[in-house]
Amino acid sequence: MIQHITKPFKYFFKLEAASGLILLFAAILALIISNGSLSDLYFSTLDKYITLGTKEFGLKLSVLHWINDVFMAIFFFFVSLEIKREFLQGELSNPKQALLPIIGAVGGMAVPALFYIIVNYSDSTTLNGWAIPSATDIAFSLGVLSLLGKRVPISLKVFLTALAIIDDLGAIVIIAFFYSGNIEIKYLILMLVSVIILIALNKFNFKNFLPYLIVGIFLWDFTHQSGVHATIAGVILALTIPHNIKNNKNSLLLKLEHKLSPYVAFGIMPIFAFANAGVSLEGLSFATLLNPVPLGIVLGLFFGKQIGVFVLSYISVKLKFADKPTNSTWPAFYAVSILTGIGFTMSLFVGNLAFANDLQYMDGVKIGVLAGSLLSTLFGYFLLLFFSKK
């Protein structure tokens, strides 16, 4: 039974482990370049505008927005395919198995937000970043677990993966409701028409991705124009992709997921990391971390995440609402809870949305996310190394 449940994760773990190392390299490279002789070129390139199409019928975005709005829509499409599969057929399809990571994820989103709010409650502008420390980076966290190999039971890896996926779902909901702009009704109606067409394609069991893609491109443009963040289009498109539970070989969802995996893991995510992790460290001191934005993020990621995930999970197991991961100990489970504080990709993304009109806070966001994720990585890894079985 356990082998059947964990089989879909094996390929995923191998992919995410390598992706985590690539992400780390991209982030370090961005920090080096943004603080070296090429820093002006780095930042000016990200601000450069690129037009696709004509002036009348084209899309003009800065390089950074092409990455954060277009590339990340593909990332959200991929993540949403994973979420849909997990709820239909995977770890999250069984309520008993899904309950522990769901409860842990709820605590891991709520408590970090509370830490951030406590630090920033007096400033309505910085308070807008309350959701930044609420998400877990799947690639980084699983990459750290992979370094320990077989010392970590597969059940803990499954738990961390499921929790991170639920975190992403929570982040998607937060983005849709709290970080969208002024709503344009005309484009919302066009979005609705696009969704109806996609649902019809699903109902008539179209197994060719091309019609979904064509409608999805229009959906992205309508979403972009509507005031809802454009990445939500990727989520909606993914939810309409058909999945054949009885015959996985004929599942369009699984085919797309496997085809996109390497491009997302080794292309889109490292590019995003490289474009968003660059921050000038000139004049940086410990006092910088005490500013409200970075302090709230560091406290949320490092303390809020581990407290929220571990405490709520522990209570749910003791009250017999859920089962503890097999072959795991509470100290090892606590160490994994610390690793959920590796926010990085989603935290940086939410930070960009939270302070889209207040860019002076973005350096603080990057410093807070990097510091909080680094602390979670080091403490989680060495604690897990100490408590895990050889």
Foldseek 3Di string as FASTA:
>chain_A
DVCVQCVVCPVVLVLLLVLLVLLVVLLVVLAVCCADPNVVVLVVQQQDWDWDDDPVPIDIDGNLCCLLQVLVLLVLLLLLLVVVCCCVPHQNVDVQSLVLLLQLLVLLQPQLLVLLCVLCVVPPQLNLLSRLQNAFDLSNLSNLVVVVPVLDPSLLNVSLNSNRSVSSVVLLVCLQPRQFAAFDVVLVVVLVVLLVVLLVCLVVPPLDCVVLVVSLVSNLVSCVVGRRRSSVSSNSSSVSQAADNVDRVSGSSVVVNVVCSCCVSNPSSSVSSNSQLNAHCVPPDPVLCVPSNLVSNLCSLQPSQLCRNLVSSVVCVVVVVHPDRPPDDSQLSSLSSLQSSLRPPSSSSSVCSSCVVPCVCSNSSSNSNVNNNVVSSVSSSVSNVVPGDD
